[in-house]
PDB file of N, CA and C in Angstrom:
ATOM      1  N   MET A   1      31.905  -0.256  52.297  1.00  0.00           N
ATOM      2  CA  MET A   1      32.250  -0.728  50.976  1.00  0.00           C
ATOM      3  C   MET A   1      31.255  -0.221  49.936  1.00  0.00           C
ATOM      4  N   ILE A   2      29.983  -0.182  50.307  1.00  0.00           N
ATOM      5  CA  ILE A   2      28.980   0.281  49.341  1.00  0.00           C
ATOM      6  C   ILE A   2      29.192   1.753  49.021  1.00  0.00           C
ATOM      7  N   ARG A   3      29.477   2.543  50.025  1.00  0.00           N
ATOM      8  CA  ARG A   3      29.740   3.966  49.776  1.00  0.00           C
ATOM      9  C   ARG A   3      30.997   4.160  48.948  1.00  0.00           C
ATOM     10  N   LEU A   4      32.027   3.394  49.246  1.00  0.00           N
ATOM     11  CA  LEU A   4      33.260   3.492  48.471  1.00  0.00           C
ATOM     12  C   LEU A   4      33.023   3.113  47.021  1.00  0.00           C
ATOM     13  N   GLU A   5      32.249   2.072  46.806  1.00  0.00           N
ATOM     14  CA  GLU A   5      31.937   1.658  45.440  1.00  0.00           C
ATOM     15  C   GLU A   5      31.122   2.735  44.723  1.00  0.00           C
ATOM     16  N   ALA A   6      30.172   3.337  45.404  1.00  0.00           N
ATOM     17  CA  ALA A   6      29.368   4.398  44.793  1.00  0.00           C
ATOM     18  C   ALA A   6      30.214   5.612  44.446  1.00  0.00           C
ATOM     19  N   ILE A   7      31.148   5.941  45.318  1.00  0.00           N
ATOM     20  CA  ILE A   7      32.036   7.077  45.047  1.00  0.00           C
ATOM     21  C   ILE A   7      32.953   6.765  43.866  1.00  0.00           C
ATOM     22  N   CYS A   8      33.447   5.536  43.778  1.00  0.00           N
ATOM     23  CA  CYS A   8      34.297   5.147  42.645  1.00  0.00           C
ATOM     24  C   CYS A   8      33.526   5.192  41.330  1.00  0.00           C
ATOM     25  N   VAL A   9      32.302   4.700  41.339  1.00  0.00           N
ATOM     26  CA  VAL A   9      31.479   4.739  40.121  1.00  0.00           C
ATOM     27  C   VAL A   9      31.199   6.188  39.724  1.00  0.00           C
ATOM     28  N   ALA A  10      30.895   7.033  40.692  1.00  0.00           N
ATOM     29  CA  ALA A  10      30.650   8.449  40.403  1.00  0.00           C
ATOM     30  C   ALA A  10      31.908   9.115  39.863  1.00  0.00           C
ATOM     31  N   ALA A  11      33.058   8.772  40.436  1.00  0.00           N
ATOM     32  CA  ALA A  11      34.318   9.369  39.976  1.00  0.00           C
ATOM     33  C   ALA A  11      34.644   8.935  38.550  1.00  0.00           C
ATOM     34  N   PHE A  12      34.529   7.646  38.267  1.00  0.00           N
ATOM     35  CA  PHE A  12      34.832   7.170  36.919  1.00  0.00           C
ATOM     36  C   PHE A  12      33.860   7.761  35.901  1.00  0.00           C
ATOM     37  N   GLY A  13      32.577   7.807  36.240  1.00  0.00           N
ATOM     38  CA  GLY A  13      31.602   8.395  35.329  1.00  0.00           C
ATOM     39  C   GLY A  13      31.859   9.869  35.081  1.00  0.00           C
ATOM     40  N   THR A  14      32.185  10.583  36.123  1.00  0.00           N
ATOM     41  CA  THR A  14      32.467  12.010  35.989  1.00  0.00           C
ATOM     42  C   THR A  14      33.706  12.249  35.155  1.00  0.00           C
ATOM     43  N   LEU A  15      34.762  11.493  35.426  1.00  0.00           N
ATOM     44  CA  LEU A  15      36.006  11.687  34.675  1.00  0.00           C
ATOM     45  C   LEU A  15      35.851  11.303  33.211  1.00  0.00           C
ATOM     46  N   LEU A  16      35.127  10.231  32.937  1.00  0.00           N
ATOM     47  CA  LEU A  16      34.888   9.865  31.541  1.00  0.00           C
ATOM     48  C   LEU A  16      34.024  10.906  30.839  1.00  0.00           C
ATOM     49  N   GLY A  17      33.013  11.402  31.519  1.00  0.00           N
ATOM     50  CA  GLY A  17      32.171  12.441  30.935  1.00  0.00           C
ATOM     51  C   GLY A  17      32.927  13.735  30.689  1.00  0.00           C
ATOM     52  N   LEU A  18      33.753  14.124  31.646  1.00  0.00           N
ATOM     53  CA  LEU A  18      34.557  15.333  31.466  1.00  0.00           C
ATOM     54  C   LEU A  18      35.569  15.159  30.347  1.00  0.00           C
ATOM     55  N   ALA A  19      36.198  13.999  30.280  1.00  0.00           N
ATOM     56  CA  ALA A  19      37.184  13.760  29.225  1.00  0.00           C
ATOM     57  C   ALA A  19      36.521  13.813  27.848  1.00  0.00           C
ATOM     58  N   GLY A  20      35.370  13.175  27.718  1.00  0.00           N
ATOM     59  CA  GLY A  20      34.658  13.213  26.438  1.00  0.00           C
ATOM     60  C   GLY A  20      34.192  14.610  26.085  1.00  0.00           C
ATOM     61  N   GLY A  21      33.654  15.320  27.052  1.00  0.00           N
ATOM     62  CA  GLY A  21      33.187  16.682  26.809  1.00  0.00           C
ATOM     63  C   GLY A  21      34.310  17.642  26.472  1.00  0.00           C
ATOM     64  N   LEU A  22      35.414  17.529  27.198  1.00  0.00           N
ATOM     65  CA  LEU A  22      36.548  18.416  26.925  1.00  0.00           C
ATOM     66  C   LEU A  22      37.190  18.104  25.576  1.00  0.00           C
ATOM     67  N   PHE A  23      37.258  16.819  25.239  1.00  0.00           N
ATOM     68  CA  PHE A  23      37.810  16.445  23.934  1.00  0.00           C
ATOM     69  C   PHE A  23      36.913  16.969  22.815  1.00  0.00           C
ATOM     70  N   GLY A  24      35.612  16.806  22.962  1.00  0.00           N
ATOM     71  CA  GLY A  24      34.682  17.314  21.955  1.00  0.00           C
ATOM     72  C   GLY A  24      34.758  18.829  21.817  1.00  0.00           C
ATOM     73  N   ALA A  25      34.843  19.524  22.936  1.00  0.00           N
ATOM     74  CA  ALA A  25      34.955  20.983  22.891  1.00  0.00           C
ATOM     75  C   ALA A  25      36.262  21.413  22.245  1.00  0.00           C
ATOM     76  N   TRP A  26      37.324  20.683  22.512  1.00  0.00           N
ATOM     77  CA  TRP A  26      38.623  21.000  21.920  1.00  0.00           C
ATOM     78  C   TRP A  26      38.589  20.805  20.401  1.00  0.00           C
ATOM     79  N   LYS A  27      37.958  19.713  19.953  1.00  0.00           N
ATOM     80  CA  LYS A  27      37.878  19.455  18.517  1.00  0.00           C
ATOM     81  C   LYS A  27      36.990  20.490  17.823  1.00  0.00           C
ATOM     82  N   VAL A  28      35.881  20.859  18.435  1.00  0.00           N
ATOM     83  CA  VAL A  28      35.000  21.867  17.845  1.00  0.00           C
ATOM     84  C   VAL A  28      35.691  23.227  17.844  1.00  0.00           C
ATOM     85  N   SER A  29      36.494  23.505  18.865  1.00  0.00           N
ATOM     86  CA  SER A  29      37.194  24.792  18.906  1.00  0.00           C
ATOM     87  C   SER A  29      38.163  24.922  17.738  1.00  0.00           C
ATOM     88  N   GLY A  30      38.675  23.798  17.237  1.00  0.00           N
ATOM     89  CA  GLY A  30      39.546  23.848  16.067  1.00  0.00           C
ATOM     90  C   GLY A  30      38.806  24.336  14.830  1.00  0.00           C
ATOM     91  N   LEU A  31      37.511  24.066  14.765  1.00  0.00           N
ATOM     92  CA  LEU A  31      36.720  24.549  13.630  1.00  0.00           C
ATOM     93  C   LEU A  31      36.508  26.057  13.687  1.00  0.00           C
ATOM     94  N   PHE A  32      36.381  26.592  14.898  1.00  0.00           N
ATOM     95  CA  PHE A  32      36.113  28.022  15.058  1.00  0.00           C
ATOM     96  C   PHE A  32      37.379  28.865  15.115  1.00  0.00           C
ATOM     97  N   ASN A  33      38.531  28.237  15.115  1.00  0.00           N
ATOM     98  CA  ASN A  33      39.780  28.950  15.336  1.00  0.00           C
ATOM     99  C   ASN A  33      39.975  30.090  14.342  1.00  0.00           C
ATOM    100  N   GLY A  34      39.760  29.848  13.076  1.00  0.00           N
ATOM    101  CA  GLY A  34      39.953  30.911  12.099  1.00  0.00           C
ATOM    102  C   GLY A  34      38.675  31.608  11.708  1.00  0.00           C
ATOM    103  N   ALA A  35      37.540  31.003  11.955  1.00  0.00           N
ATOM    104  CA  ALA A  35      36.267  31.562  11.510  1.00  0.00           C
ATOM    105  C   ALA A  35      35.801  32.724  12.384  1.00  0.00           C
ATOM    106  N   ILE A  36      36.030  32.648  13.680  1.00  0.00           N
ATOM    107  CA  ILE A  36      35.577  33.692  14.602  1.00  0.00           C
ATOM    108  C   ILE A  36      36.808  34.283  15.283  1.00  0.00           C
ATOM    109  N   PRO A  37      37.140  35.528  14.994  1.00  0.00           N
ATOM    110  CA  PRO A  37      38.382  36.098  15.548  1.00  0.00           C
ATOM    111  C   PRO A  37      38.378  36.229  17.077  1.00  0.00           C
ATOM    112  N   GLN A  38      37.215  36.465  17.681  1.00  0.00           N
ATOM    113  CA  GLN A  38      37.160  36.674  19.129  1.00  0.00           C
ATOM    114  C   GLN A  38      37.155  35.371  19.915  1.00  0.00           C
ATOM    115  N   TYR A  39      37.047  34.242  19.245  1.00  0.00           N
ATOM    116  CA  TYR A  39      36.899  32.957  19.932  1.00  0.00           C
ATOM    117  C   TYR A  39      38.237  32.492  20.498  1.00  0.00           C
ATOM    118  N   SER A  40      38.216  32.053  21.739  1.00  0.00           N
ATOM    119  CA  SER A  40      39.404  31.425  22.337  1.00  0.00           C
ATOM    120  C   SER A  40      38.923  30.265  23.202  1.00  0.00           C
ATOM    121  N   TYR A  41      39.663  29.190  23.170  1.00  0.00           N
ATOM    122  CA  TYR A  41      39.331  27.984  23.933  1.00  0.00           C
ATOM    123  C   TYR A  41      40.004  28.080  25.285  1.00  0.00           C
ATOM    124  N   SER A  42      39.213  28.233  26.320  1.00  0.00           N
ATOM    125  CA  SER A  42      39.768  28.264  27.676  1.00  0.00           C
ATOM    126  C   SER A  42      38.890  27.409  28.581  1.00  0.00           C
ATOM    127  N   LEU A  43      39.501  26.765  29.536  1.00  0.00           N
ATOM    128  CA  LEU A  43      38.787  25.865  30.436  1.00  0.00           C
ATOM    129  C   LEU A  43      38.415  26.578  31.732  1.00  0.00           C
ATOM    130  N   PRO A  44      37.189  26.400  32.193  1.00  0.00           N
ATOM    131  CA  PRO A  44      36.770  26.987  33.475  1.00  0.00           C
ATOM    132  C   PRO A  44      37.162  26.049  34.629  1.00  0.00           C
ATOM    133  N   TRP A  45      38.387  26.107  35.062  1.00  0.00           N
ATOM    134  CA  TRP A  45      38.902  25.168  36.062  1.00  0.00           C
ATOM    135  C   TRP A  45      38.096  25.146  37.354  1.00  0.00           C
ATOM    136  N   PRO A  46      37.685  26.278  37.916  1.00  0.00           N
ATOM    137  CA  PRO A  46      36.880  26.209  39.155  1.00  0.00           C
ATOM    138  C   PRO A  46      35.551  25.482  38.948  1.00  0.00           C
ATOM    139  N   THR A  47      34.921  25.690  37.818  1.00  0.00           N
ATOM    140  CA  THR A  47      33.654  25.018  37.536  1.00  0.00           C
ATOM    141  C   THR A  47      33.859  23.526  37.363  1.00  0.00           C
ATOM    142  N   LEU A  48      34.911  23.133  36.680  1.00  0.00           N
ATOM    143  CA  LEU A  48      35.202  21.712  36.494  1.00  0.00           C
ATOM    144  C   LEU A  48      35.502  21.030  37.832  1.00  0.00           C
ATOM    145  N   ALA A  49      36.235  21.709  38.695  1.00  0.00           N
ATOM    146  CA  ALA A  49      36.529  21.149  40.017  1.00  0.00           C
ATOM    147  C   ALA A  49      35.242  21.022  40.847  1.00  0.00           C
ATOM    148  N   LEU A  50      34.353  22.000  40.732  1.00  0.00           N
ATOM    149  CA  LEU A  50      33.084  21.947  41.450  1.00  0.00           C
ATOM    150  C   LEU A  50      32.225  20.785  40.958  1.00  0.00           C
ATOM    151  N   VAL A  51      32.222  20.542  39.661  1.00  0.00           N
ATOM    152  CA  VAL A  51      31.459  19.422  39.101  1.00  0.00           C
ATOM    153  C   VAL A  51      31.982  18.105  39.654  1.00  0.00           C
ATOM    154  N   VAL A  52      33.294  17.949  39.715  1.00  0.00           N
ATOM    155  CA  VAL A  52      33.881  16.706  40.233  1.00  0.00           C
ATOM    156  C   VAL A  52      33.520  16.526  41.712  1.00  0.00           C
ATOM    157  N   LEU A  53      33.657  17.564  42.498  1.00  0.00           N
ATOM    158  CA  LEU A  53      33.346  17.460  43.929  1.00  0.00           C
ATOM    159  C   LEU A  53      31.869  17.176  44.172  1.00  0.00           C
ATOM    160  N   LEU A  54      31.000  17.831  43.421  1.00  0.00           N
ATOM    161  CA  LEU A  54      29.564  17.599  43.600  1.00  0.00           C
ATOM    162  C   LEU A  54      29.171  16.186  43.177  1.00  0.00           C
ATOM    163  N   SER A  55      29.788  15.666  42.130  1.00  0.00           N
ATOM    164  CA  SER A  55      29.451  14.300  41.710  1.00  0.00           C
ATOM    165  C   SER A  55      29.893  13.281  42.758  1.00  0.00           C
ATOM    166  N   LEU A  56      31.029  13.510  43.389  1.00  0.00           N
ATOM    167  CA  LEU A  56      31.469  12.603  44.454  1.00  0.00           C
ATOM    168  C   LEU A  56      30.532  12.690  45.657  1.00  0.00           C
ATOM    169  N   ALA A  57      30.091  13.896  45.974  1.00  0.00           N
ATOM    170  CA  ALA A  57      29.159  14.057  47.094  1.00  0.00           C
ATOM    171  C   ALA A  57      27.818  13.395  46.795  1.00  0.00           C
ATOM    172  N   VAL A  58      27.329  13.542  45.572  1.00  0.00           N
ATOM    173  CA  VAL A  58      26.058  12.912  45.198  1.00  0.00           C
ATOM    174  C   VAL A  58      26.188  11.396  45.239  1.00  0.00           C
ATOM    175  N   GLY A  59      27.321  10.868  44.814  1.00  0.00           N
ATOM    176  CA  GLY A  59      27.541   9.423  44.888  1.00  0.00           C
ATOM    177  C   GLY A  59      27.524   8.916  46.316  1.00  0.00           C
ATOM    178  N   ALA A  60      28.136   9.658  47.227  1.00  0.00           N
ATOM    179  CA  ALA A  60      28.155   9.253  48.633  1.00  0.00           C
ATOM    180  C   ALA A  60      26.761   9.330  49.258  1.00  0.00           C
ATOM    181  N   VAL A  61      26.016  10.377  48.936  1.00  0.00           N
ATOM    182  CA  VAL A  61      24.668  10.530  49.484  1.00  0.00           C
ATOM    183  C   VAL A  61      23.736   9.461  48.920  1.00  0.00           C
ATOM    184  N   ALA A  62      23.876   9.162  47.643  1.00  0.00           N
ATOM    185  CA  ALA A  62      23.013   8.156  47.019  1.00  0.00           C
ATOM    186  C   ALA A  62      23.251   6.763  47.590  1.00  0.00           C
ATOM    187  N   ALA A  63      24.438   6.507  48.100  1.00  0.00           N
ATOM    188  CA  ALA A  63      24.741   5.197  48.661  1.00  0.00           C
ATOM    189  C   ALA A  63      24.370   5.075  50.126  1.00  0.00           C
ATOM    190  N   ALA A  64      23.982   6.162  50.767  1.00  0.00           N
ATOM    191  CA  ALA A  64      23.733   6.128  52.207  1.00  0.00           C
ATOM    192  C   ALA A  64      22.569   5.219  52.572  1.00  0.00           C
ATOM    193  N   LEU A  65      21.454   5.313  51.877  1.00  0.00           N
ATOM    194  CA  LEU A  65      20.288   4.496  52.214  1.00  0.00           C
ATOM    195  C   LEU A  65      20.537   3.004  51.954  1.00  0.00           C
ATOM    196  N   PRO A  66      21.048   2.604  50.791  1.00  0.00           N
ATOM    197  CA  PRO A  66      21.332   1.178  50.609  1.00  0.00           C
ATOM    198  C   PRO A  66      22.376   0.644  51.600  1.00  0.00           C
ATOM    199  N   ALA A  67      23.369   1.444  51.943  1.00  0.00           N
ATOM    200  CA  ALA A  67      24.388   0.994  52.896  1.00  0.00           C
ATOM    201  C   ALA A  67      23.779   0.794  54.281  1.00  0.00           C
ATOM    202  N   ARG A  68      22.886   1.672  54.659  1.00  0.00           N
ATOM    203  CA  ARG A  68      22.228   1.540  55.966  1.00  0.00           C
ATOM    204  C   ARG A  68      21.340   0.294  55.999  1.00  0.00           C
ATOM    205  N   ARG A  69      20.641   0.050  54.874  1.00  0.00           N
ATOM    206  CA  ARG A  69      19.772  -1.121  54.796  1.00  0.00           C
ATOM    207  C   ARG A  69      20.577  -2.416  54.872  1.00  0.00           C
ATOM    208  N   VAL A  70      21.703  -2.457  54.192  1.00  0.00           N
ATOM    209  CA  VAL A  70      22.541  -3.658  54.190  1.00  0.00           C
ATOM    210  C   VAL A  70      23.200  -3.863  55.552  1.00  0.00           C
ATOM    211  N   ALA A  71      23.567  -2.791  56.205  1.00  0.00           N
ATOM    212  CA  ALA A  71      24.212  -2.912  57.509  1.00  0.00           C
ATOM    213  C   ALA A  71      23.262  -3.498  58.556  1.00  0.00           C
ATOM    214  N   ALA A  72      21.974  -3.344  58.344  1.00  0.00           N
ATOM    215  CA  ALA A  72      21.002  -3.873  59.310  1.00  0.00           C
ATOM    216  C   ALA A  72      20.787  -5.378  59.133  1.00  0.00           C
ATOM    217  N   LEU A  73      21.163  -5.942  57.985  1.00  0.00           N
ATOM    218  CA  LEU A  73      20.974  -7.369  57.746  1.00  0.00           C
ATOM    219  C   LEU A  73      22.113  -8.193  58.333  1.00  0.00           C
ATOM    220  N   SER A  74      21.793  -9.412  58.726  1.00  0.00           N
ATOM    221  CA  SER A  74      22.864 -10.305  59.118  1.00  0.00           C
ATOM    222  C   SER A  74      23.483 -10.868  57.843  1.00  0.00           C
ATOM    223  N   PRO A  75      24.758 -11.246  57.876  1.00  0.00           N
ATOM    224  CA  PRO A  75      25.408 -11.759  56.668  1.00  0.00           C
ATOM    225  C   PRO A  75      24.749 -13.008  56.098  1.00  0.00           C
ATOM    226  N   LEU A  76      24.270 -13.900  56.953  1.00  0.00           N
ATOM    227  CA  LEU A  76      23.638 -15.115  56.465  1.00  0.00           C
ATOM    228  C   LEU A  76      22.322 -14.818  55.757  1.00  0.00           C
ATOM    229  N   ARG A  77      21.563 -13.885  56.296  1.00  0.00           N
ATOM    230  CA  ARG A  77      20.314 -13.511  55.641  1.00  0.00           C
ATOM    231  C   ARG A  77      20.560 -12.826  54.303  1.00  0.00           C
ATOM    232  N   ALA A  78      21.583 -12.018  54.255  1.00  0.00           N
ATOM    233  CA  ALA A  78      21.911 -11.313  53.012  1.00  0.00           C
ATOM    234  C   ALA A  78      22.331 -12.310  51.933  1.00  0.00           C
ATOM    235  N   VAL A  79      23.129 -13.305  52.289  1.00  0.00           N
ATOM    236  CA  VAL A  79      23.568 -14.302  51.312  1.00  0.00           C
ATOM    237  C   VAL A  79      22.399 -15.176  50.889  1.00  0.00           C
ATOM    238  N   ALA A  80      21.512 -15.507  51.815  1.00  0.00           N
ATOM    239  CA  ALA A  80      20.357 -16.335  51.492  1.00  0.00           C
ATOM    240  C   ALA A  80      19.392 -15.597  50.570  1.00  0.00           C
ATOM    241  N   ALA A  81      19.280 -14.290  50.711  1.00  0.00           N
ATOM    242  CA  ALA A  81      18.388 -13.500  49.871  1.00  0.00           C
ATOM    243  C   ALA A  81      18.946 -13.358  48.465  1.00  0.00           C
ATOM    244  N   ALA A  82      20.245 -13.439  48.321  1.00  0.00           N
ATOM    245  CA  ALA A  82      20.856 -13.272  47.002  1.00  0.00           C
ATOM    246  C   ALA A  82      20.767 -14.538  46.260  1.00  0.00           C
TER     247      ALA A  82
END
């Protein structure tokens, strides 16, 4: 459950960050549309997919140590500590 939660948090953070970044880039590209003739707005799909996959992997790795620590505790001790 801890790993799943970490992966979900990483996914939501990544998707929100990508959405904000892509929206900002799209709006700024509207400013350059007529000013710079060589400018074109294109998305680097392989790079974006790599960012999403790496963020999910980092979320899973970051949750490994806390998940291992929690798995070693008994449920009663964990509830008493909280």
